[in-house]
Amino acid sequence: MKIVVTAFDAFGEDKINSSLKVLEKIERDIIKITIPTSFKKSSQILEDIVKNHRPDVVLSLGQAAGRNRISIERVAINIDDARIKDNDSYKPKDKLIRKDGETAYFSNLNIRKIEENLKKENIPCYISNTAGTFVCNHLLYEALFLAKKYNFKAGFIHLPYLKEQVLDKDMPFMELTTMIKAVQNIIDTIKSR
């Protein structure tokens, strides 16, 4: 099974992105890709990945400030609406991601099995019904749009901040080792389908 796992580079005021730190440490037979936190570039890179690698699964990782658990995203909506600029200084408001796409797409991964297997390992997690309206949602929407066209599975996992990211903030975090264990568990669950 060919699995592509993506993570974003740092964006906004953050110097690092927890999703990229986790991806760098994953010890599984996967294709690792860093995605720029850019609406336009992320779409182009994802489409190139799909055409060049023909994956069975695209699993994307992102960082979600303020969340204290692993978030297994259920749905992506057809809207870009940013409260901050992306890394190309683009800040869309109420923009459709694709005029030829559906209003929303649901992850075609077995998100209940992913949740169940994480909980068996005592990893705090939940199924989330919003991937937001920033580049994370954008990438999941594009992945699910392409999944219908090229027949593969796609999903998105939001990760909390790392401890080092909240030293001067009053925000939740999760240990790097726990997030690595979680993502490796998710990959193993996908492979076991």
N, C-alpha and C. Protein backbone atom coordinates (compact mmCIF):
# COMPACT_ATOMS: atom_id res chain seq x y z
N MET A 1 0.84 -1.18 0.00
CA MET A 1 0.00 0.00 0.00
C MET A 1 0.89 1.25 0.00
N LYS A 2 0.64 2.15 -0.92
CA LYS A 2 1.42 3.38 -1.01
C LYS A 2 0.70 4.50 -0.25
N ILE A 3 1.33 4.98 0.82
CA ILE A 3 0.73 6.02 1.66
C ILE A 3 1.61 7.27 1.61
N VAL A 4 0.99 8.38 1.25
CA VAL A 4 1.64 9.68 1.31
C VAL A 4 1.17 10.38 2.57
N VAL A 5 2.12 10.87 3.37
CA VAL A 5 1.77 11.65 4.56
C VAL A 5 2.38 13.03 4.39
N THR A 6 1.53 14.04 4.53
CA THR A 6 1.98 15.42 4.37
C THR A 6 1.91 16.15 5.71
N ALA A 7 2.72 17.20 5.84
CA ALA A 7 2.68 18.09 6.99
C ALA A 7 3.04 19.49 6.49
N PHE A 8 2.60 20.48 7.23
CA PHE A 8 2.82 21.87 6.84
C PHE A 8 4.07 22.46 7.46
N ASP A 9 4.62 23.47 6.77
CA ASP A 9 5.70 24.25 7.35
C ASP A 9 5.11 25.25 8.36
N ALA A 10 5.98 25.96 9.05
CA ALA A 10 5.54 26.94 10.06
C ALA A 10 4.79 28.08 9.38
N PHE A 11 3.85 28.67 10.12
CA PHE A 11 3.07 29.79 9.58
C PHE A 11 2.68 30.74 10.69
N GLY A 12 2.20 31.91 10.28
CA GLY A 12 1.79 32.91 11.27
C GLY A 12 2.97 33.32 12.14
N GLU A 13 2.73 33.40 13.45
CA GLU A 13 3.78 33.81 14.38
C GLU A 13 4.60 32.64 14.90
N ASP A 14 4.22 31.44 14.52
CA ASP A 14 4.94 30.25 15.01
C ASP A 14 6.22 30.02 14.22
N LYS A 15 7.26 29.64 14.93
CA LYS A 15 8.56 29.36 14.30
C LYS A 15 8.66 27.91 13.83
N ILE A 16 7.83 27.04 14.42
CA ILE A 16 7.79 25.64 14.02
C ILE A 16 6.34 25.21 13.85
N ASN A 17 6.14 24.07 13.23
CA ASN A 17 4.81 23.50 13.08
C ASN A 17 4.87 22.10 13.67
N SER A 18 4.02 21.82 14.62
CA SER A 18 4.06 20.51 15.29
C SER A 18 3.87 19.37 14.30
N SER A 19 3.06 19.58 13.27
CA SER A 19 2.81 18.50 12.30
C SER A 19 4.09 18.11 11.56
N LEU A 20 4.92 19.09 11.24
CA LEU A 20 6.17 18.80 10.54
C LEU A 20 7.17 18.10 11.46
N LYS A 21 7.22 18.53 12.71
CA LYS A 21 8.11 17.88 13.68
C LYS A 21 7.73 16.41 13.85
N VAL A 22 6.44 16.13 13.87
CA VAL A 22 5.98 14.75 13.99
C VAL A 22 6.32 13.97 12.73
N LEU A 23 6.02 14.52 11.56
CA LEU A 23 6.29 13.81 10.31
C LEU A 23 7.76 13.43 10.18
N GLU A 24 8.65 14.32 10.60
CA GLU A 24 10.09 14.05 10.50
C GLU A 24 10.49 12.81 11.31
N LYS A 25 9.74 12.50 12.36
CA LYS A 25 10.10 11.40 13.27
C LYS A 25 9.34 10.10 12.99
N ILE A 26 8.42 10.10 12.05
CA ILE A 26 7.63 8.90 11.78
C ILE A 26 8.52 7.80 11.21
N GLU A 27 8.40 6.61 11.77
CA GLU A 27 9.18 5.46 11.32
C GLU A 27 8.24 4.44 10.71
N ARG A 28 7.79 4.70 9.52
CA ARG A 28 6.92 3.81 8.77
C ARG A 28 7.30 3.93 7.30
N ASP A 29 6.90 2.94 6.52
CA ASP A 29 7.19 2.94 5.08
C ASP A 29 6.15 3.81 4.38
N ILE A 30 6.46 5.10 4.33
CA ILE A 30 5.54 6.09 3.74
C ILE A 30 6.34 7.07 2.89
N ILE A 31 5.63 7.84 2.11
CA ILE A 31 6.24 8.95 1.36
C ILE A 31 5.93 10.21 2.15
N LYS A 32 6.97 10.91 2.60
CA LYS A 32 6.80 12.12 3.42
C LYS A 32 6.94 13.36 2.54
N ILE A 33 5.97 14.26 2.65
CA ILE A 33 5.99 15.49 1.86
C ILE A 33 5.69 16.69 2.76
N THR A 34 6.53 17.73 2.68
CA THR A 34 6.25 18.99 3.37
C THR A 34 5.46 19.88 2.42
N ILE A 35 4.35 20.40 2.93
CA ILE A 35 3.46 21.26 2.15
C ILE A 35 3.60 22.69 2.67
N PRO A 36 3.77 23.66 1.78
CA PRO A 36 3.81 25.05 2.25
C PRO A 36 2.43 25.49 2.73
N THR A 37 2.41 26.32 3.75
CA THR A 37 1.14 26.84 4.25
C THR A 37 0.70 27.96 3.32
N SER A 38 0.21 27.54 2.19
CA SER A 38 -0.19 28.43 1.10
C SER A 38 -1.39 27.80 0.40
N PHE A 39 -2.46 28.55 0.30
CA PHE A 39 -3.66 28.04 -0.36
C PHE A 39 -3.33 27.53 -1.77
N LYS A 40 -2.73 28.38 -2.56
CA LYS A 40 -2.49 28.05 -3.97
C LYS A 40 -1.43 26.98 -4.15
N LYS A 41 -0.29 27.14 -3.48
CA LYS A 41 0.80 26.17 -3.64
C LYS A 41 0.42 24.79 -3.11
N SER A 42 -0.34 24.75 -2.01
CA SER A 42 -0.72 23.44 -1.45
C SER A 42 -1.54 22.64 -2.45
N SER A 43 -2.43 23.30 -3.16
CA SER A 43 -3.26 22.61 -4.17
C SER A 43 -2.40 22.07 -5.31
N GLN A 44 -1.48 22.91 -5.79
CA GLN A 44 -0.62 22.50 -6.91
C GLN A 44 0.26 21.32 -6.52
N ILE A 45 0.86 21.40 -5.34
CA ILE A 45 1.74 20.33 -4.88
C ILE A 45 0.97 19.04 -4.67
N LEU A 46 -0.21 19.14 -4.07
CA LEU A 46 -1.01 17.95 -3.84
C LEU A 46 -1.37 17.27 -5.16
N GLU A 47 -1.78 18.04 -6.13
CA GLU A 47 -2.14 17.44 -7.42
C GLU A 47 -0.92 16.78 -8.07
N ASP A 48 0.24 17.40 -7.96
CA ASP A 48 1.48 16.79 -8.48
C ASP A 48 1.80 15.48 -7.75
N ILE A 49 1.62 15.48 -6.44
CA ILE A 49 1.86 14.28 -5.64
C ILE A 49 0.97 13.13 -6.13
N VAL A 50 -0.30 13.44 -6.29
CA VAL A 50 -1.26 12.41 -6.70
C VAL A 50 -0.91 11.88 -8.10
N LYS A 51 -0.60 12.76 -9.01
CA LYS A 51 -0.27 12.33 -10.38
C LYS A 51 1.05 11.57 -10.45
N ASN A 52 2.05 12.00 -9.68
CA ASN A 52 3.37 11.38 -9.74
C ASN A 52 3.49 10.08 -8.93
N HIS A 53 2.81 10.03 -7.77
CA HIS A 53 2.97 8.88 -6.88
C HIS A 53 1.81 7.88 -6.96
N ARG A 54 0.66 8.32 -7.46
CA ARG A 54 -0.54 7.46 -7.51
C ARG A 54 -0.73 6.72 -6.18
N PRO A 55 -0.91 7.47 -5.10
CA PRO A 55 -1.01 6.84 -3.78
C PRO A 55 -2.34 6.10 -3.58
N ASP A 56 -2.32 5.16 -2.65
CA ASP A 56 -3.56 4.52 -2.20
C ASP A 56 -4.22 5.37 -1.13
N VAL A 57 -3.38 6.11 -0.39
CA VAL A 57 -3.87 6.95 0.70
C VAL A 57 -3.06 8.24 0.76
N VAL A 58 -3.75 9.35 1.00
CA VAL A 58 -3.09 10.62 1.33
C VAL A 58 -3.59 11.00 2.72
N LEU A 59 -2.68 11.00 3.69
CA LEU A 59 -2.98 11.40 5.05
C LEU A 59 -2.25 12.71 5.31
N SER A 60 -3.00 13.74 5.62
CA SER A 60 -2.39 15.05 5.87
C SER A 60 -2.43 15.36 7.36
N LEU A 61 -1.37 16.00 7.82
CA LEU A 61 -1.24 16.42 9.21
C LEU A 61 -1.20 17.94 9.26
N GLY A 62 -1.81 18.50 10.28
CA GLY A 62 -1.77 19.95 10.47
C GLY A 62 -1.73 20.28 11.94
N GLN A 63 -1.43 21.51 12.23
CA GLN A 63 -1.34 22.01 13.61
C GLN A 63 -2.60 22.79 13.95
N ALA A 64 -3.15 22.53 15.14
CA ALA A 64 -4.35 23.25 15.58
C ALA A 64 -4.11 23.85 16.96
N ALA A 65 -3.78 25.12 16.98
CA ALA A 65 -3.57 25.82 18.25
C ALA A 65 -4.85 25.77 19.07
N GLY A 66 -4.70 25.51 20.36
CA GLY A 66 -5.85 25.52 21.25
C GLY A 66 -6.49 24.15 21.46
N ARG A 67 -6.17 23.19 20.59
CA ARG A 67 -6.73 21.85 20.77
C ARG A 67 -5.80 21.04 21.68
N ASN A 68 -6.42 20.21 22.53
CA ASN A 68 -5.63 19.44 23.50
C ASN A 68 -5.61 17.95 23.21
N ARG A 69 -6.21 17.55 22.09
CA ARG A 69 -6.26 16.14 21.71
C ARG A 69 -5.98 16.01 20.21
N ILE A 70 -5.70 14.79 19.79
CA ILE A 70 -5.58 14.48 18.36
C ILE A 70 -6.97 14.63 17.75
N SER A 71 -7.08 15.41 16.69
CA SER A 71 -8.38 15.65 16.05
C SER A 71 -8.42 14.91 14.72
N ILE A 72 -9.34 13.98 14.61
CA ILE A 72 -9.52 13.20 13.39
C ILE A 72 -10.63 13.90 12.61
N GLU A 73 -10.26 14.54 11.52
CA GLU A 73 -11.23 15.37 10.80
C GLU A 73 -12.21 14.52 9.98
N ARG A 74 -13.48 14.86 10.11
CA ARG A 74 -14.54 14.15 9.40
C ARG A 74 -14.86 14.76 8.05
N VAL A 75 -14.78 16.11 7.96
CA VAL A 75 -15.35 16.78 6.79
C VAL A 75 -14.51 17.99 6.37
N ALA A 76 -14.50 18.26 5.08
CA ALA A 76 -13.89 19.48 4.53
C ALA A 76 -14.98 20.23 3.78
N ILE A 77 -15.02 21.54 3.95
CA ILE A 77 -16.04 22.35 3.28
C ILE A 77 -15.42 23.20 2.17
N ASN A 78 -16.23 23.53 1.21
CA ASN A 78 -15.77 24.24 0.01
C ASN A 78 -15.70 25.75 0.25
N ILE A 79 -14.83 26.15 1.15
CA ILE A 79 -14.69 27.58 1.44
C ILE A 79 -13.29 27.87 1.99
N ASP A 80 -12.69 28.94 1.52
CA ASP A 80 -11.47 29.50 2.08
C ASP A 80 -11.86 30.81 2.74
N ASP A 81 -11.59 30.93 4.04
CA ASP A 81 -11.94 32.14 4.77
C ASP A 81 -10.93 32.30 5.90
N ALA A 82 -9.87 33.04 5.63
CA ALA A 82 -8.73 33.11 6.55
C ALA A 82 -8.81 34.31 7.49
N ARG A 83 -8.45 34.07 8.74
CA ARG A 83 -8.36 35.18 9.70
C ARG A 83 -6.96 35.78 9.70
N ILE A 84 -5.97 34.98 9.19
CA ILE A 84 -4.60 35.49 9.03
C ILE A 84 -4.14 35.19 7.60
N LYS A 85 -3.07 35.83 7.19
CA LYS A 85 -2.51 35.58 5.87
C LYS A 85 -1.79 34.24 5.84
N ASP A 86 -1.81 33.59 4.68
CA ASP A 86 -1.00 32.39 4.52
C ASP A 86 0.45 32.83 4.30
N ASN A 87 1.34 31.90 4.02
CA ASN A 87 2.76 32.24 3.88
C ASN A 87 3.09 32.98 2.58
N ASP A 88 2.09 33.15 1.72
CA ASP A 88 2.25 33.97 0.51
C ASP A 88 1.49 35.29 0.64
N SER A 89 1.13 35.63 1.87
CA SER A 89 0.41 36.87 2.19
C SER A 89 -0.98 36.93 1.56
N TYR A 90 -1.57 35.77 1.31
CA TYR A 90 -2.91 35.70 0.75
C TYR A 90 -3.90 35.45 1.88
N LYS A 91 -4.96 36.23 1.91
CA LYS A 91 -5.96 36.14 2.98
C LYS A 91 -7.36 36.14 2.35
N PRO A 92 -7.81 34.98 1.86
CA PRO A 92 -9.12 34.93 1.21
C PRO A 92 -10.28 35.11 2.19
N LYS A 93 -11.37 35.65 1.67
CA LYS A 93 -12.61 35.78 2.44
C LYS A 93 -13.74 35.19 1.61
N ASP A 94 -14.42 34.23 2.18
CA ASP A 94 -15.61 33.63 1.54
C ASP A 94 -15.38 33.21 0.10
N LYS A 95 -14.23 32.59 -0.18
CA LYS A 95 -13.88 32.14 -1.54
C LYS A 95 -14.12 30.64 -1.67
N LEU A 96 -14.79 30.24 -2.74
CA LEU A 96 -14.94 28.82 -3.01
C LEU A 96 -13.57 28.22 -3.33
N ILE A 97 -13.33 27.02 -2.86
CA ILE A 97 -12.09 26.33 -3.20
C ILE A 97 -12.17 25.85 -4.64
N ARG A 98 -13.31 25.24 -4.99
CA ARG A 98 -13.54 24.75 -6.35
C ARG A 98 -14.97 25.01 -6.78
N LYS A 99 -15.12 25.70 -7.91
CA LYS A 99 -16.47 25.92 -8.45
C LYS A 99 -17.08 24.62 -8.96
N ASP A 100 -16.22 23.66 -9.33
CA ASP A 100 -16.69 22.38 -9.84
C ASP A 100 -16.77 21.30 -8.76
N GLY A 101 -16.64 21.70 -7.49
CA GLY A 101 -16.67 20.74 -6.39
C GLY A 101 -17.97 20.79 -5.61
N GLU A 102 -18.15 19.78 -4.78
CA GLU A 102 -19.32 19.70 -3.91
C GLU A 102 -19.21 20.72 -2.77
N THR A 103 -20.31 20.92 -2.07
CA THR A 103 -20.32 21.82 -0.92
C THR A 103 -19.37 21.32 0.17
N ALA A 104 -19.33 20.00 0.33
CA ALA A 104 -18.45 19.39 1.33
C ALA A 104 -18.12 17.97 0.90
N TYR A 105 -17.01 17.46 1.43
CA TYR A 105 -16.63 16.07 1.23
C TYR A 105 -16.29 15.48 2.60
N PHE A 106 -16.70 14.23 2.79
CA PHE A 106 -16.38 13.52 4.03
C PHE A 106 -15.16 12.64 3.82
N SER A 107 -14.33 12.56 4.85
CA SER A 107 -13.16 11.68 4.79
C SER A 107 -13.63 10.27 4.45
N ASN A 108 -12.90 9.61 3.58
CA ASN A 108 -13.25 8.24 3.23
C ASN A 108 -12.36 7.22 3.96
N LEU A 109 -11.65 7.69 4.99
CA LEU A 109 -10.93 6.77 5.89
C LEU A 109 -11.92 6.27 6.94
N ASN A 110 -11.59 5.17 7.58
CA ASN A 110 -12.42 4.65 8.66
C ASN A 110 -12.07 5.41 9.94
N ILE A 111 -12.68 6.58 10.09
CA ILE A 111 -12.32 7.46 11.21
C ILE A 111 -12.72 6.87 12.56
N ARG A 112 -13.78 6.07 12.61
CA ARG A 112 -14.18 5.43 13.89
C ARG A 112 -13.14 4.40 14.32
N LYS A 113 -12.60 3.66 13.36
CA LYS A 113 -11.56 2.67 13.69
C LYS A 113 -10.29 3.37 14.14
N ILE A 114 -9.96 4.48 13.49
CA ILE A 114 -8.79 5.27 13.90
C ILE A 114 -8.97 5.75 15.34
N GLU A 115 -10.13 6.30 15.64
CA GLU A 115 -10.42 6.78 17.00
C GLU A 115 -10.34 5.63 18.00
N GLU A 116 -10.95 4.52 17.67
CA GLU A 116 -10.96 3.35 18.56
C GLU A 116 -9.54 2.87 18.87
N ASN A 117 -8.72 2.76 17.84
CA ASN A 117 -7.35 2.27 18.04
C ASN A 117 -6.48 3.25 18.82
N LEU A 118 -6.70 4.55 18.64
CA LEU A 118 -5.96 5.53 19.44
C LEU A 118 -6.37 5.45 20.91
N LYS A 119 -7.66 5.30 21.14
CA LYS A 119 -8.14 5.22 22.53
C LYS A 119 -7.66 3.95 23.22
N LYS A 120 -7.48 2.87 22.47
CA LYS A 120 -6.92 1.64 23.05
C LYS A 120 -5.51 1.88 23.58
N GLU A 121 -4.81 2.82 22.97
CA GLU A 121 -3.44 3.17 23.39
C GLU A 121 -3.43 4.34 24.38
N ASN A 122 -4.61 4.72 24.86
CA ASN A 122 -4.76 5.84 25.80
C ASN A 122 -4.24 7.16 25.25
N ILE A 123 -4.42 7.35 23.94
CA ILE A 123 -4.03 8.60 23.31
C ILE A 123 -5.27 9.49 23.21
N PRO A 124 -5.24 10.67 23.81
CA PRO A 124 -6.40 11.55 23.78
C PRO A 124 -6.73 11.95 22.33
N CYS A 125 -7.98 11.72 21.94
CA CYS A 125 -8.38 12.00 20.57
C CYS A 125 -9.90 12.18 20.49
N TYR A 126 -10.34 12.70 19.37
CA TYR A 126 -11.78 12.79 19.09
C TYR A 126 -11.98 13.00 17.60
N ILE A 127 -13.20 12.74 17.16
CA ILE A 127 -13.57 13.03 15.78
C ILE A 127 -14.06 14.46 15.72
N SER A 128 -13.42 15.26 14.89
CA SER A 128 -13.73 16.68 14.75
C SER A 128 -14.61 16.90 13.53
N ASN A 129 -15.56 17.79 13.69
CA ASN A 129 -16.46 18.12 12.58
C ASN A 129 -16.13 19.45 11.93
N THR A 130 -14.94 19.97 12.22
CA THR A 130 -14.50 21.18 11.52
C THR A 130 -12.99 21.22 11.40
N ALA A 131 -12.54 21.27 10.16
CA ALA A 131 -11.10 21.44 9.90
C ALA A 131 -10.78 22.92 9.75
N GLY A 132 -11.73 23.78 10.10
CA GLY A 132 -11.54 25.22 9.99
C GLY A 132 -11.80 25.69 8.57
N THR A 133 -11.27 26.87 8.25
CA THR A 133 -11.40 27.42 6.88
C THR A 133 -10.07 27.98 6.39
N PHE A 134 -8.98 27.51 7.01
CA PHE A 134 -7.65 27.95 6.61
C PHE A 134 -7.06 26.88 5.67
N VAL A 135 -5.77 26.80 5.54
CA VAL A 135 -5.14 25.92 4.56
C VAL A 135 -5.34 24.43 4.89
N CYS A 136 -5.53 24.08 6.14
CA CYS A 136 -5.79 22.68 6.49
C CYS A 136 -7.08 22.18 5.83
N ASN A 137 -8.16 22.91 6.02
CA ASN A 137 -9.42 22.54 5.37
C ASN A 137 -9.27 22.55 3.86
N HIS A 138 -8.57 23.55 3.35
CA HIS A 138 -8.34 23.67 1.91
C HIS A 138 -7.67 22.40 1.36
N LEU A 139 -6.61 21.96 2.04
CA LEU A 139 -5.87 20.79 1.57
C LEU A 139 -6.72 19.52 1.66
N LEU A 140 -7.47 19.36 2.76
CA LEU A 140 -8.33 18.19 2.89
C LEU A 140 -9.40 18.20 1.80
N TYR A 141 -9.98 19.35 1.54
CA TYR A 141 -11.00 19.44 0.49
C TYR A 141 -10.41 19.04 -0.86
N GLU A 142 -9.26 19.58 -1.18
CA GLU A 142 -8.61 19.25 -2.46
C GLU A 142 -8.27 17.76 -2.53
N ALA A 143 -7.79 17.19 -1.42
CA ALA A 143 -7.44 15.77 -1.40
C ALA A 143 -8.69 14.91 -1.66
N LEU A 144 -9.80 15.26 -1.02
CA LEU A 144 -11.02 14.47 -1.20
C LEU A 144 -11.63 14.66 -2.58
N PHE A 145 -11.48 15.85 -3.14
CA PHE A 145 -11.92 16.09 -4.52
C PHE A 145 -11.12 15.19 -5.47
N LEU A 146 -9.81 15.17 -5.29
CA LEU A 146 -8.94 14.35 -6.14
C LEU A 146 -9.14 12.86 -5.87
N ALA A 147 -9.49 12.51 -4.62
CA ALA A 147 -9.70 11.10 -4.27
C ALA A 147 -10.84 10.50 -5.09
N LYS A 148 -11.87 11.31 -5.33
CA LYS A 148 -12.98 10.81 -6.16
C LYS A 148 -12.54 10.60 -7.60
N LYS A 149 -11.68 11.48 -8.07
CA LYS A 149 -11.21 11.43 -9.46
C LYS A 149 -10.20 10.30 -9.68
N TYR A 150 -9.30 10.10 -8.71
CA TYR A 150 -8.20 9.15 -8.88
C TYR A 150 -8.35 7.89 -8.01
N ASN A 151 -9.44 7.79 -7.28
CA ASN A 151 -9.76 6.59 -6.52
C ASN A 151 -8.72 6.24 -5.45
N PHE A 152 -8.57 7.11 -4.45
CA PHE A 152 -7.73 6.81 -3.30
C PHE A 152 -8.43 7.29 -2.04
N LYS A 153 -7.88 6.94 -0.90
CA LYS A 153 -8.43 7.35 0.39
C LYS A 153 -7.70 8.61 0.85
N ALA A 154 -8.41 9.46 1.60
CA ALA A 154 -7.79 10.68 2.11
C ALA A 154 -8.39 11.07 3.45
N GLY A 155 -7.54 11.65 4.27
CA GLY A 155 -8.00 12.13 5.57
C GLY A 155 -7.03 13.16 6.13
N PHE A 156 -7.45 13.75 7.24
CA PHE A 156 -6.66 14.83 7.84
C PHE A 156 -6.68 14.67 9.36
N ILE A 157 -5.51 14.87 9.96
CA ILE A 157 -5.35 14.80 11.41
C ILE A 157 -4.77 16.13 11.89
N HIS A 158 -5.48 16.76 12.82
CA HIS A 158 -4.95 17.98 13.46
C HIS A 158 -4.23 17.59 14.75
N LEU A 159 -3.06 18.16 14.94
CA LEU A 159 -2.25 17.90 16.13
C LEU A 159 -2.16 19.15 16.99
N PRO A 160 -2.11 18.97 18.31
CA PRO A 160 -1.94 20.14 19.20
C PRO A 160 -0.55 20.76 19.05
N TYR A 161 -0.38 21.86 19.75
CA TYR A 161 0.94 22.46 19.86
C TYR A 161 1.87 21.50 20.62
N LEU A 162 3.18 21.67 20.40
CA LEU A 162 4.20 21.03 21.21
C LEU A 162 4.46 21.87 22.46
N LYS A 163 5.01 21.27 23.48
CA LYS A 163 5.30 21.98 24.73
C LYS A 163 6.16 23.22 24.49
N GLU A 164 7.17 23.07 23.62
CA GLU A 164 8.07 24.20 23.36
C GLU A 164 7.37 25.39 22.69
N GLN A 165 6.21 25.15 22.11
CA GLN A 165 5.47 26.23 21.44
C GLN A 165 4.60 27.04 22.40
N VAL A 166 4.39 26.54 23.62
CA VAL A 166 3.46 27.21 24.53
C VAL A 166 4.14 27.74 25.79
N LEU A 167 5.47 27.83 25.77
CA LEU A 167 6.18 28.29 26.96
C LEU A 167 5.75 29.68 27.38
N ASP A 168 5.38 30.52 26.41
CA ASP A 168 4.94 31.89 26.74
C ASP A 168 3.46 32.10 26.42
N LYS A 169 2.71 30.99 26.31
CA LYS A 169 1.28 31.06 26.00
C LYS A 169 0.51 30.20 26.99
N ASP A 170 -0.71 30.58 27.24
CA ASP A 170 -1.59 29.78 28.09
C ASP A 170 -2.46 28.93 27.18
N MET A 171 -1.84 27.87 26.62
CA MET A 171 -2.54 27.02 25.67
C MET A 171 -2.18 25.56 25.92
N PRO A 172 -3.08 24.64 25.54
CA PRO A 172 -2.76 23.23 25.71
C PRO A 172 -1.68 22.77 24.73
N PHE A 173 -1.06 21.64 25.06
CA PHE A 173 -0.03 21.07 24.20
C PHE A 173 -0.05 19.56 24.38
N MET A 174 0.73 18.87 23.57
CA MET A 174 0.89 17.43 23.70
C MET A 174 2.36 17.11 23.48
N GLU A 175 2.84 16.09 24.16
CA GLU A 175 4.24 15.69 24.02
C GLU A 175 4.49 15.15 22.61
N LEU A 176 5.67 15.44 22.07
CA LEU A 176 6.04 14.98 20.74
C LEU A 176 5.94 13.45 20.64
N THR A 177 6.42 12.75 21.65
CA THR A 177 6.40 11.29 21.62
C THR A 177 4.98 10.74 21.50
N THR A 178 4.03 11.38 22.16
CA THR A 178 2.62 10.94 22.10
C THR A 178 2.07 11.16 20.70
N MET A 179 2.40 12.30 20.09
CA MET A 179 1.89 12.57 18.74
C MET A 179 2.52 11.64 17.71
N ILE A 180 3.79 11.33 17.87
CA ILE A 180 4.45 10.38 16.95
C ILE A 180 3.77 9.01 17.07
N LYS A 181 3.57 8.57 18.30
CA LYS A 181 2.89 7.29 18.54
C LYS A 181 1.50 7.28 17.92
N ALA A 182 0.79 8.40 18.05
CA ALA A 182 -0.57 8.51 17.49
C ALA A 182 -0.56 8.38 15.98
N VAL A 183 0.31 9.11 15.32
CA VAL A 183 0.34 9.09 13.85
C VAL A 183 0.79 7.73 13.34
N GLN A 184 1.75 7.11 14.02
CA GLN A 184 2.17 5.76 13.61
C GLN A 184 1.02 4.77 13.79
N ASN A 185 0.25 4.93 14.85
CA ASN A 185 -0.93 4.10 15.09
C ASN A 185 -1.96 4.30 13.97
N ILE A 186 -2.16 5.54 13.57
CA ILE A 186 -3.12 5.85 12.50
C ILE A 186 -2.67 5.20 11.18
N ILE A 187 -1.39 5.30 10.87
CA ILE A 187 -0.86 4.69 9.65
C ILE A 187 -1.06 3.17 9.69
N ASP A 188 -0.78 2.57 10.85
CA ASP A 188 -0.95 1.11 11.00
C ASP A 188 -2.42 0.73 10.84
N THR A 189 -3.33 1.55 11.37
CA THR A 189 -4.77 1.29 11.26
C THR A 189 -5.20 1.35 9.80
N ILE A 190 -4.70 2.35 9.08
CA ILE A 190 -5.03 2.49 7.65
C ILE A 190 -4.54 1.27 6.88
N LYS A 191 -3.34 0.82 7.19
CA LYS A 191 -2.77 -0.32 6.47
C LYS A 191 -3.52 -1.62 6.75
N SER A 192 -4.15 -1.70 7.93
CA SER A 192 -4.82 -2.94 8.31
C SER A 192 -6.23 -3.07 7.75
N ARG A 193 -6.72 -2.01 7.17
CA ARG A 193 -8.11 -1.98 6.70
C ARG A 193 -8.61 -3.35 6.39
